[in-house]
Every structure is written in structure tokens, then in C-alpha cells.
């Protein structure tokens, strides 16, 4: 069994993240946020496939001012993704967003951070600190923001384990990611703000996994998992499944986003597939399909893809099996709620491994969908 890391929950709108809440699946819009109609249409499409939290980029004030209307037209919590300009964070809060994605270290002054945090605290809006491999501050910056100006002084502000590794000449990128996260958390905690979520993302899977493992032992906050710039639908889904799967199996992670260079709906589908593979969520249909072989008398690949396309539209929690032959199909998929095993010109429909119908090959797809609907 997977034993979840215990984290302090926060609420992103009505959605609980962390604690004993189910691991949520989220995505990010790929539209111009200033285009309210296009952005709302994309979010509604994501809602249809189960997306539970959505994030939108806020590059300028026009985009920030569009957030209120976007939020009014959607049904899931909205996160504003902010970089550098604290005025955009303040406007996003005024527009009623449910969470900020913000790096306190990217803001220009302590006063700006205090202003944003004060407004977020008053509205009980959480802040996700998003540490990314590609945009880490120089090591010296961590010390300079505390009035220090030499790298040696900056290293002396790090946790004990960080100092020891630095002194040994083995200060790694993982160390730097973790220390950046701790530094930015300290900024918020110093302002008596603890509505914090945290992410430490890299493209490299081992780097990401190790960073989350370390930080998960050091702070109580919920963790947002992701592999940044993971790639296209196929490669990115594999990379994300490996990285997120390792962490989730170890009980690390409270919400996930699969970052793909593809339709955002594919991100959501991949996210739920990862969770279903670990028995962490059972939302929607789980498809079991054999890879086909020389024993198959039907086109298993075609049938499996036809079934997959049809069952994606169903909101039922059901296991469906598509097997290529009668030899071991029902046995190998005996835990499926309903399934089909092809034969020579015919097919067996089975439930929980027991035969219930025999149908002609031409009726396979229709008969299987009838059985699914009958459930």
C-alpha cells in the first residue's frame, strides 16, 4: 500500500489540496489570457475531461484584468501565474483568483512581497512557490537578499547539510533547488503566511525526484508535482509517468500537472492515467488491452482503440478489457467488470472472467458497448 506523506492542507477555492484529500489533476491554459472567449472555451473543454484546477499565464495588466470574467464563466478553481510584477499579483487577487503561482524572490523588494502576501492573507488565497531548474537565482542571491555579498556568506545561510556539501565541493543543482525553495518559504513564513504550496520542477527526472524527496522531509506544505517542459504527448507522458510515478508511489505529492506540448486535455488524461495506474484515483474508465500476437483472430489494436475512444466519453468508474483470443483472454482480464475476447469469426463477452454472451465478429464493438452501458 502507498502511505501518503502527511501535509498541511490548503484550499484552492473549494478544492482541498494536501492532507487526506485525493490527489488532484490540473492543467494550464495555452490560450492568450486576454482572449476571454478562447480561454473560457478551452477551460470548459478541460472540465469535460475531469480537470480539477486550472492555471493561466498573466503576462500583463490586460491579462490580469481578464481573470475575473474568466472565473465567472468557469466551474473549477483558477490560478494566476505571475512573474516579476507584483502589481499583476494584486490585480489577480482583486479579480478573485483562487491561488497565485509566485516566486517571492522574483519580486524586486521586500515591500512588494509584503504587499502581495498581506492581500493574499486577507483573502485566504494560497501561494504556490514554483521553483524551476531553468530559472534558479544565482547561489549568491540567496545570501545577498539577506544583506550578504560574498558567496561564502551565502553558503553559510544554507541548512547544515547544504553547508557541508558546499564545503566538500559537492554542492549540486538539487541542493540549489531545495535551498531556493527553503529561502522563498522563509520569506513567506517571516510574514506569518503559511497558505503555501510548493513545486520543484526540472526536465531531468532524477533531479526532480531527488529534489522532491528532500524537500518533502523538510517542510509540511503540500507538493505540486510536475516534470517541466516534458515534451510531446508520447515522450512527455512517458517522462512524466516515470518521474511522477516514482514520487507518488513513495507517497509524495498532493496535486499534479503533466506538462505536454499538446492539447491540454491530453495533460489531464495522462494525469489521471498515472494516478489510476497506482490505484490512487479511479476516475473514469480503465481500459485493459492485450498487445495482440499471432494467435489473434481479430484486429485487436483497431478494436482497442475504438473502445478507448468511446469509453473516454463515459464518466463511469469501470474496468473494460479488450483481449485478442479465447485462450487466456477472460482469465488474464478476470478482474475487469466487462470484457471481450476475440475468436475465429466470433467473440466472447465476459464479466469478471465469466462468459455471458457469444457474438459475431461484426457485432463485437456494439455488443461490448451495450454491456458497458448495462452496468
Protein backbone atom coordinates (compact mmCIF):
# COMPACT_ATOMS: atom_id res chain seq x y z
CA UNK A 1 0.00 0.00 0.00
CA UNK A 2 1.06 3.58 -0.66
CA UNK A 3 1.34 5.64 2.51
CA UNK A 4 0.90 9.32 1.70
CA UNK A 5 3.26 11.91 3.11
CA UNK A 6 1.36 13.96 5.69
CA UNK A 7 1.00 17.56 4.54
CA UNK A 8 -0.74 20.69 5.80
CA UNK A 9 -3.77 21.16 3.52
CA UNK A 10 -4.69 24.36 1.72
CA UNK A 11 -7.82 25.22 -0.20
CA UNK A 12 -7.67 26.35 -3.82
CA UNK A 13 -11.17 27.73 -3.98
CA UNK A 14 -13.37 24.85 -2.78
CA UNK A 15 -10.78 22.20 -3.71
CA UNK A 16 -8.72 20.81 -0.84
CA UNK A 17 -5.09 20.13 -1.72
CA UNK A 18 -2.99 18.09 0.67
CA UNK A 19 -3.86 16.42 3.94
CA UNK A 20 -6.18 13.48 3.32
CA UNK A 21 -7.62 14.92 0.10
CA UNK A 22 -7.42 12.94 -3.15
CA UNK A 23 -4.52 13.90 -5.39
CA UNK A 24 -5.89 16.46 -7.83
CA UNK A 25 -5.15 16.75 -11.54
CA UNK A 26 -4.64 20.19 -13.01
CA UNK A 27 -3.57 21.83 -16.25
CA UNK A 28 -2.66 25.21 -17.71
CA UNK A 29 -4.34 27.13 -20.50
CA UNK A 30 -2.48 27.57 -23.78
CA UNK A 31 -4.61 30.47 -25.00
CA UNK A 32 -3.92 34.20 -24.74
CA UNK A 33 -5.46 35.01 -21.35
CA UNK A 34 -6.55 38.38 -22.71
CA UNK A 35 -8.86 36.50 -25.08
CA UNK A 36 -11.61 35.66 -22.60
CA UNK A 37 -13.79 33.74 -25.05
CA UNK A 38 -11.00 31.44 -26.23
CA UNK A 39 -9.68 30.90 -22.71
CA UNK A 40 -13.09 30.05 -21.28
CA UNK A 41 -13.78 27.66 -24.18
CA UNK A 42 -10.51 25.85 -23.52
CA UNK A 43 -11.19 25.59 -19.79
CA UNK A 44 -14.69 24.22 -20.37
CA UNK A 45 -13.16 21.57 -22.63
CA UNK A 46 -10.78 20.69 -19.80
CA UNK A 47 -13.63 20.50 -17.32
CA UNK A 48 -15.31 17.93 -19.57
CA UNK A 49 -12.33 15.56 -19.25
CA UNK A 50 -12.08 15.99 -15.49
CA UNK A 51 -9.58 18.81 -14.93
CA UNK A 52 -9.94 19.93 -11.31
CA UNK A 53 -7.78 23.10 -11.16
CA UNK A 54 -6.67 25.39 -13.99
CA UNK A 55 -3.79 27.87 -14.22
CA UNK A 56 -3.50 30.80 -16.62
CA UNK A 57 -0.48 32.93 -17.53
CA UNK A 58 -0.67 36.61 -16.59
CA UNK A 59 1.90 38.46 -18.73
CA UNK A 60 0.42 41.95 -18.40
CA UNK A 61 -2.32 44.04 -16.77
CA UNK A 62 -4.85 43.36 -19.53
CA UNK A 63 -4.50 39.64 -18.86
CA UNK A 64 -4.82 40.20 -15.10
CA UNK A 65 -7.99 42.21 -15.59
CA UNK A 66 -9.50 39.44 -17.73
CA UNK A 67 -9.26 36.90 -14.91
CA UNK A 68 -12.44 37.99 -13.17
CA UNK A 69 -14.63 37.43 -16.22
CA UNK A 70 -12.89 34.13 -16.95
CA UNK A 71 -13.52 32.95 -13.39
CA UNK A 72 -17.19 33.92 -13.58
CA UNK A 73 -17.69 31.66 -16.60
CA UNK A 74 -15.89 28.50 -15.42
CA UNK A 75 -16.60 25.89 -12.78
CA UNK A 76 -13.13 25.00 -11.46
CA UNK A 77 -10.63 27.00 -9.38
CA UNK A 78 -8.42 29.47 -11.25
CA UNK A 79 -4.72 30.06 -10.51
CA UNK A 80 -2.87 33.16 -11.75
CA UNK A 81 0.68 32.51 -12.93
CA UNK A 82 2.72 35.61 -12.03
CA UNK A 83 6.35 36.53 -12.65
CA UNK A 84 8.25 39.64 -11.52
CA UNK A 85 5.47 42.25 -11.45
CA UNK A 86 3.74 42.44 -8.08
CA UNK A 87 1.02 44.73 -9.48
CA UNK A 88 -0.21 41.81 -11.59
CA UNK A 89 -0.50 39.66 -8.48
CA UNK A 90 -2.50 42.36 -6.71
CA UNK A 91 -4.86 42.76 -9.68
CA UNK A 92 -5.29 38.98 -9.95
CA UNK A 93 -6.32 38.91 -6.29
CA UNK A 94 -8.77 41.74 -6.87
CA UNK A 95 -10.24 39.75 -9.76
CA UNK A 96 -10.95 36.87 -7.38
CA UNK A 97 -8.43 34.17 -8.36
CA UNK A 98 -8.21 31.15 -6.09
CA UNK A 99 -4.41 30.87 -5.92
CA UNK A 100 -1.22 32.62 -7.04
CA UNK A 101 1.76 30.90 -8.60
CA UNK A 102 4.55 33.20 -7.50
CA UNK A 103 8.26 33.27 -6.75
CA UNK A 104 8.77 35.78 -3.92
CA UNK A 105 12.43 36.00 -4.90
CA UNK A 106 11.46 37.36 -8.32
CA UNK A 107 9.85 40.45 -6.82
CA UNK A 108 12.06 43.49 -6.57
CA UNK A 109 11.71 44.42 -2.92
CA UNK A 110 10.63 43.24 0.48
CA UNK A 111 7.86 45.84 0.41
CA UNK A 112 6.38 44.34 -2.76
CA UNK A 113 6.37 40.85 -1.26
CA UNK A 114 4.75 42.15 1.92
CA UNK A 115 2.02 43.90 -0.06
CA UNK A 116 1.13 40.78 -2.06
CA UNK A 117 1.25 38.50 0.97
CA UNK A 118 -0.91 40.85 3.03
CA UNK A 119 -3.60 40.89 0.29
CA UNK A 120 -3.42 37.11 -0.20
CA UNK A 121 -3.69 36.51 3.54
CA UNK A 122 -6.71 38.79 3.87
CA UNK A 123 -8.49 36.83 1.12
CA UNK A 124 -7.16 33.44 2.35
CA UNK A 125 -5.68 32.80 -1.08
CA UNK A 126 -2.74 30.34 -1.12
CA UNK A 127 0.54 30.95 -2.92
CA UNK A 128 2.41 28.26 -4.81
CA UNK A 129 6.15 28.78 -4.75
CA UNK A 130 7.28 27.39 -8.10
CA UNK A 131 10.98 26.54 -8.18
CA UNK A 132 12.14 25.66 -11.71
CA UNK A 133 15.53 24.34 -12.77
CA UNK A 134 15.65 26.78 -15.69
CA UNK A 135 15.10 29.93 -13.64
CA UNK A 136 17.03 29.46 -10.43
CA UNK A 137 18.59 32.55 -8.83
CA UNK A 138 22.40 32.67 -8.60
CA UNK A 139 23.63 30.94 -5.47
CA UNK A 140 24.90 34.28 -4.20
CA UNK A 141 21.46 35.89 -4.48
CA UNK A 142 20.15 33.85 -1.57
CA UNK A 143 22.78 35.49 0.62
CA UNK A 144 22.57 38.94 -0.97
CA UNK A 145 18.88 39.31 -0.19
CA UNK A 146 19.81 38.94 3.47
CA UNK A 147 22.42 41.69 3.30
CA UNK A 148 25.29 39.35 2.38
CA UNK A 149 27.58 39.95 -0.59
CA UNK A 150 30.00 37.05 -0.81
CA UNK A 151 29.28 33.50 -1.97
CA UNK A 152 30.92 32.15 1.20
CA UNK A 153 28.48 34.17 3.29
CA UNK A 154 25.57 32.96 1.20
CA UNK A 155 26.62 29.34 1.72
CA UNK A 156 26.73 29.98 5.45
CA UNK A 157 23.00 30.81 5.38
CA UNK A 158 22.14 27.38 3.98
CA UNK A 159 20.87 24.45 6.06
CA UNK A 160 23.58 22.42 7.76
CA UNK A 161 23.59 19.65 5.16
CA UNK A 162 23.93 22.26 2.39
CA UNK A 163 26.95 23.88 4.04
CA UNK A 164 28.72 20.56 4.47
CA UNK A 165 28.26 19.61 0.83
CA UNK A 166 29.32 23.05 -0.35
CA UNK A 167 32.46 22.90 1.76
CA UNK A 168 33.21 19.49 0.25
CA UNK A 169 32.90 20.91 -3.25
CA UNK A 170 29.82 18.82 -3.99
CA UNK A 171 27.07 21.44 -3.96
CA UNK A 172 24.67 20.18 -6.63
CA UNK A 173 21.77 21.55 -8.62
CA UNK A 174 19.42 19.58 -6.36
CA UNK A 175 20.95 21.30 -3.34
CA UNK A 176 20.41 24.65 -5.01
CA UNK A 177 16.77 23.88 -5.90
CA UNK A 178 16.00 22.81 -2.35
CA UNK A 179 17.79 25.79 -0.82
CA UNK A 180 15.96 28.17 -3.15
CA UNK A 181 12.65 26.65 -2.04
CA UNK A 182 13.59 26.94 1.64
CA UNK A 183 14.72 30.53 1.16
CA UNK A 184 11.47 31.53 -0.52
CA UNK A 185 9.38 29.67 2.05
CA UNK A 186 11.24 31.56 4.77
CA UNK A 187 10.22 34.87 3.17
CA UNK A 188 6.53 33.96 3.45
CA UNK A 189 6.82 32.38 6.88
CA UNK A 190 8.59 35.50 8.14
CA UNK A 191 5.45 37.40 7.12
CA UNK A 192 3.31 34.93 9.12
CA UNK A 193 1.89 33.38 5.94
CA UNK A 194 1.52 29.61 5.70
CA UNK A 195 -1.03 29.07 2.93
CA UNK A 196 1.77 27.62 0.83
CA UNK A 197 2.03 25.03 -1.92
CA UNK A 198 5.40 24.11 -3.36
CA UNK A 199 6.91 22.71 -6.55
CA UNK A 200 10.49 21.91 -7.57
CA UNK A 201 10.48 21.04 -11.26
CA UNK A 202 13.17 20.11 -13.74
CA UNK A 203 13.20 18.40 -17.14
CA UNK A 204 15.64 15.83 -15.79
CA UNK A 205 13.68 13.13 -13.98
CA UNK A 206 16.32 12.05 -11.41
CA UNK A 207 16.94 15.70 -10.47
CA UNK A 208 13.23 16.33 -9.99
CA UNK A 209 12.67 13.17 -7.98
CA UNK A 210 15.58 13.83 -5.63
CA UNK A 211 14.56 17.47 -5.09
CA UNK A 212 11.03 16.47 -4.09
CA UNK A 213 12.28 13.66 -1.86
CA UNK A 214 14.49 16.06 0.06
CA UNK A 215 12.06 18.93 0.43
CA UNK A 216 9.26 16.55 1.40
CA UNK A 217 11.17 15.66 4.57
CA UNK A 218 11.88 19.28 5.47
CA UNK A 219 8.59 21.18 5.19
CA UNK A 220 4.91 20.37 5.91
CA UNK A 221 3.41 22.04 2.85
CA UNK A 222 1.52 20.26 0.05
CA UNK A 223 3.60 19.48 -3.03
CA UNK A 224 2.61 20.17 -6.63
CA UNK A 225 4.35 17.58 -8.83
CA UNK A 226 5.46 18.02 -12.41
CA UNK A 227 8.26 17.45 -14.90
CA UNK A 228 8.79 20.79 -16.60
CA UNK A 229 8.91 21.03 -20.40
CA UNK A 230 8.37 17.26 -20.51
CA UNK A 231 7.88 17.16 -24.30
CA UNK A 232 5.34 15.94 -26.82
CA UNK A 233 2.33 13.80 -25.94
CA UNK A 234 4.16 10.48 -26.27
CA UNK A 235 7.61 11.34 -24.90
CA UNK A 236 6.29 13.79 -22.31
CA UNK A 237 3.72 11.35 -20.97
CA UNK A 238 6.39 8.68 -20.53
CA UNK A 239 8.80 11.08 -18.85
CA UNK A 240 6.07 12.36 -16.55
CA UNK A 241 4.80 8.87 -15.75
CA UNK A 242 8.28 7.80 -14.68
CA UNK A 243 9.03 10.89 -12.58
CA UNK A 244 5.62 11.41 -11.05
CA UNK A 245 5.06 7.67 -10.69
CA UNK A 246 8.23 7.24 -8.61
CA UNK A 247 7.25 10.05 -6.27
CA UNK A 248 3.59 9.12 -5.98
CA UNK A 249 4.49 5.50 -5.20
CA UNK A 250 6.62 6.81 -2.33
CA UNK A 251 3.63 8.79 -1.06
CA UNK A 252 4.98 12.16 -2.20
CA UNK A 253 2.66 14.59 -3.97
CA UNK A 254 -0.72 16.24 -3.45
CA UNK A 255 -1.57 17.66 -6.89
CA UNK A 256 -0.08 17.01 -10.33
CA UNK A 257 0.26 18.59 -13.73
CA UNK A 258 1.58 16.68 -16.76
CA UNK A 259 3.22 19.32 -18.97
CA UNK A 260 2.87 18.39 -22.65
CA UNK A 261 3.45 20.13 -25.96
CA UNK A 262 -0.04 19.10 -26.98
CA UNK A 263 -3.71 19.71 -26.29
CA UNK A 264 -4.20 20.43 -22.57
CA UNK A 265 -6.85 17.72 -22.44
CA UNK A 266 -4.09 15.20 -23.10
CA UNK A 267 -2.35 16.50 -19.96
CA UNK A 268 -5.44 15.76 -17.88
CA UNK A 269 -5.95 12.30 -19.39
CA UNK A 270 -2.29 11.42 -18.78
CA UNK A 271 -2.53 12.69 -15.21
CA UNK A 272 -5.49 10.50 -14.38
CA UNK A 273 -3.90 7.52 -16.12
CA UNK A 274 -0.83 7.90 -13.89
CA UNK A 275 -2.98 8.02 -10.76
CA UNK A 276 -5.12 5.08 -11.91
CA UNK A 277 -2.01 3.00 -12.57
CA UNK A 278 -1.07 3.39 -8.91
CA UNK A 279 -4.63 2.87 -7.65
CA UNK A 280 -4.62 6.41 -6.26
CA UNK A 281 -7.68 7.56 -8.24
CA UNK A 282 -10.23 5.55 -10.17
CA UNK A 283 -11.90 8.34 -12.11
CA UNK A 284 -13.41 7.23 -15.41
CA UNK A 285 -12.87 4.04 -17.40
CA UNK A 286 -9.76 1.88 -17.07
CA UNK A 287 -9.00 0.01 -20.30
CA UNK A 288 -7.17 -3.32 -20.21
CA UNK A 289 -5.98 -4.43 -23.65
CA UNK A 290 -3.66 -7.18 -24.81
CA UNK A 291 -0.88 -6.22 -27.26
CA UNK A 292 -2.02 -8.84 -29.81
CA UNK A 293 0.04 -11.72 -31.18
CA UNK A 294 -0.08 -14.47 -33.80
CA UNK A 295 -2.98 -16.17 -32.00
CA UNK A 296 -5.31 -13.21 -32.51
CA UNK A 297 -8.12 -13.81 -34.98
CA UNK A 298 -9.38 -10.20 -34.83
CA UNK A 299 -7.74 -6.81 -35.22
CA UNK A 300 -7.17 -6.22 -31.50
CA UNK A 301 -5.33 -2.93 -31.99
CA UNK A 302 -8.17 -1.43 -34.03
CA UNK A 303 -10.83 -2.70 -31.62
CA UNK A 304 -8.96 -1.48 -28.54
CA UNK A 305 -8.58 2.00 -30.00
CA UNK A 306 -12.25 2.12 -30.99
CA UNK A 307 -13.28 1.14 -27.48
CA UNK A 308 -10.85 3.60 -25.94
CA UNK A 309 -12.31 6.47 -27.98
CA UNK A 310 -15.87 5.57 -26.97
CA UNK A 311 -15.32 4.94 -23.26
CA UNK A 312 -13.47 8.23 -22.79
CA UNK A 313 -16.84 9.91 -23.11
CA UNK A 314 -18.24 7.92 -20.19
CA UNK A 315 -17.93 9.16 -16.62
CA UNK A 316 -18.24 5.69 -15.12
CA UNK A 317 -15.62 4.05 -12.93
CA UNK A 318 -15.39 0.74 -14.75
CA UNK A 319 -12.68 -1.65 -15.97
CA UNK A 320 -13.05 -2.75 -19.59
CA UNK A 321 -10.90 -5.45 -21.21
CA UNK A 322 -10.20 -6.00 -24.90
CA UNK A 323 -8.40 -9.31 -25.46
CA UNK A 324 -7.26 -10.93 -28.67
CA UNK A 325 -8.15 -14.58 -28.25
CA UNK A 326 -10.22 -17.10 -26.30
CA UNK A 327 -7.17 -18.98 -25.00
CA UNK A 328 -6.47 -16.80 -21.98
CA UNK A 329 -8.37 -13.57 -22.53
CA UNK A 330 -11.05 -13.96 -19.86
CA UNK A 331 -8.55 -15.38 -17.39
CA UNK A 332 -5.96 -12.64 -17.78
CA UNK A 333 -8.61 -9.94 -17.50
CA UNK A 334 -10.77 -11.62 -14.87
CA UNK A 335 -10.81 -8.53 -12.66
CA UNK A 336 -12.37 -6.46 -15.47
CA UNK A 337 -16.00 -5.51 -14.96
CA UNK A 338 -16.71 -6.34 -18.58
CA UNK A 339 -14.57 -7.50 -21.48
CA UNK A 340 -14.37 -9.11 -24.87
CA UNK A 341 -12.10 -11.83 -26.23
CA UNK A 342 -11.95 -12.33 -29.99
CA UNK A 343 -12.15 -15.72 -31.69
CA UNK A 344 -12.47 -17.13 -35.19
CA UNK A 345 -15.37 -15.12 -36.57
CA UNK A 346 -16.88 -14.56 -33.15
CA UNK A 347 -16.12 -13.13 -29.73
CA UNK A 348 -16.89 -13.90 -26.11
CA UNK A 349 -18.30 -11.16 -23.87
CA UNK A 350 -17.41 -11.76 -20.24
CA UNK A 351 -17.93 -10.18 -16.83
CA UNK A 352 -15.42 -10.73 -14.05
CA UNK A 353 -13.93 -13.57 -16.11
CA UNK A 354 -17.23 -15.38 -16.66
CA UNK A 355 -18.74 -15.75 -20.14
CA UNK A 356 -22.12 -14.05 -20.59
CA UNK A 357 -22.52 -13.81 -24.38
CA UNK A 358 -21.10 -15.00 -27.69
CA UNK A 359 -21.43 -12.56 -30.58
CA UNK A 360 -20.47 -12.43 -34.24
CA UNK A 361 -17.25 -10.57 -35.10
CA UNK A 362 -19.20 -7.86 -36.89
CA UNK A 363 -21.11 -7.13 -33.65
CA UNK A 364 -18.15 -7.01 -31.28
CA UNK A 365 -17.97 -3.29 -30.70
CA UNK A 366 -21.74 -2.79 -30.47
CA UNK A 367 -22.20 -5.71 -28.09
CA UNK A 368 -19.35 -4.63 -25.82
CA UNK A 369 -20.68 -1.09 -25.54
CA UNK A 370 -24.17 -2.49 -24.73
CA UNK A 371 -22.67 -4.45 -21.85
CA UNK A 372 -20.79 -1.40 -20.59
CA UNK A 373 -23.97 0.67 -20.69
CA UNK A 374 -25.84 -2.12 -18.89
CA UNK A 375 -23.52 -1.72 -15.91
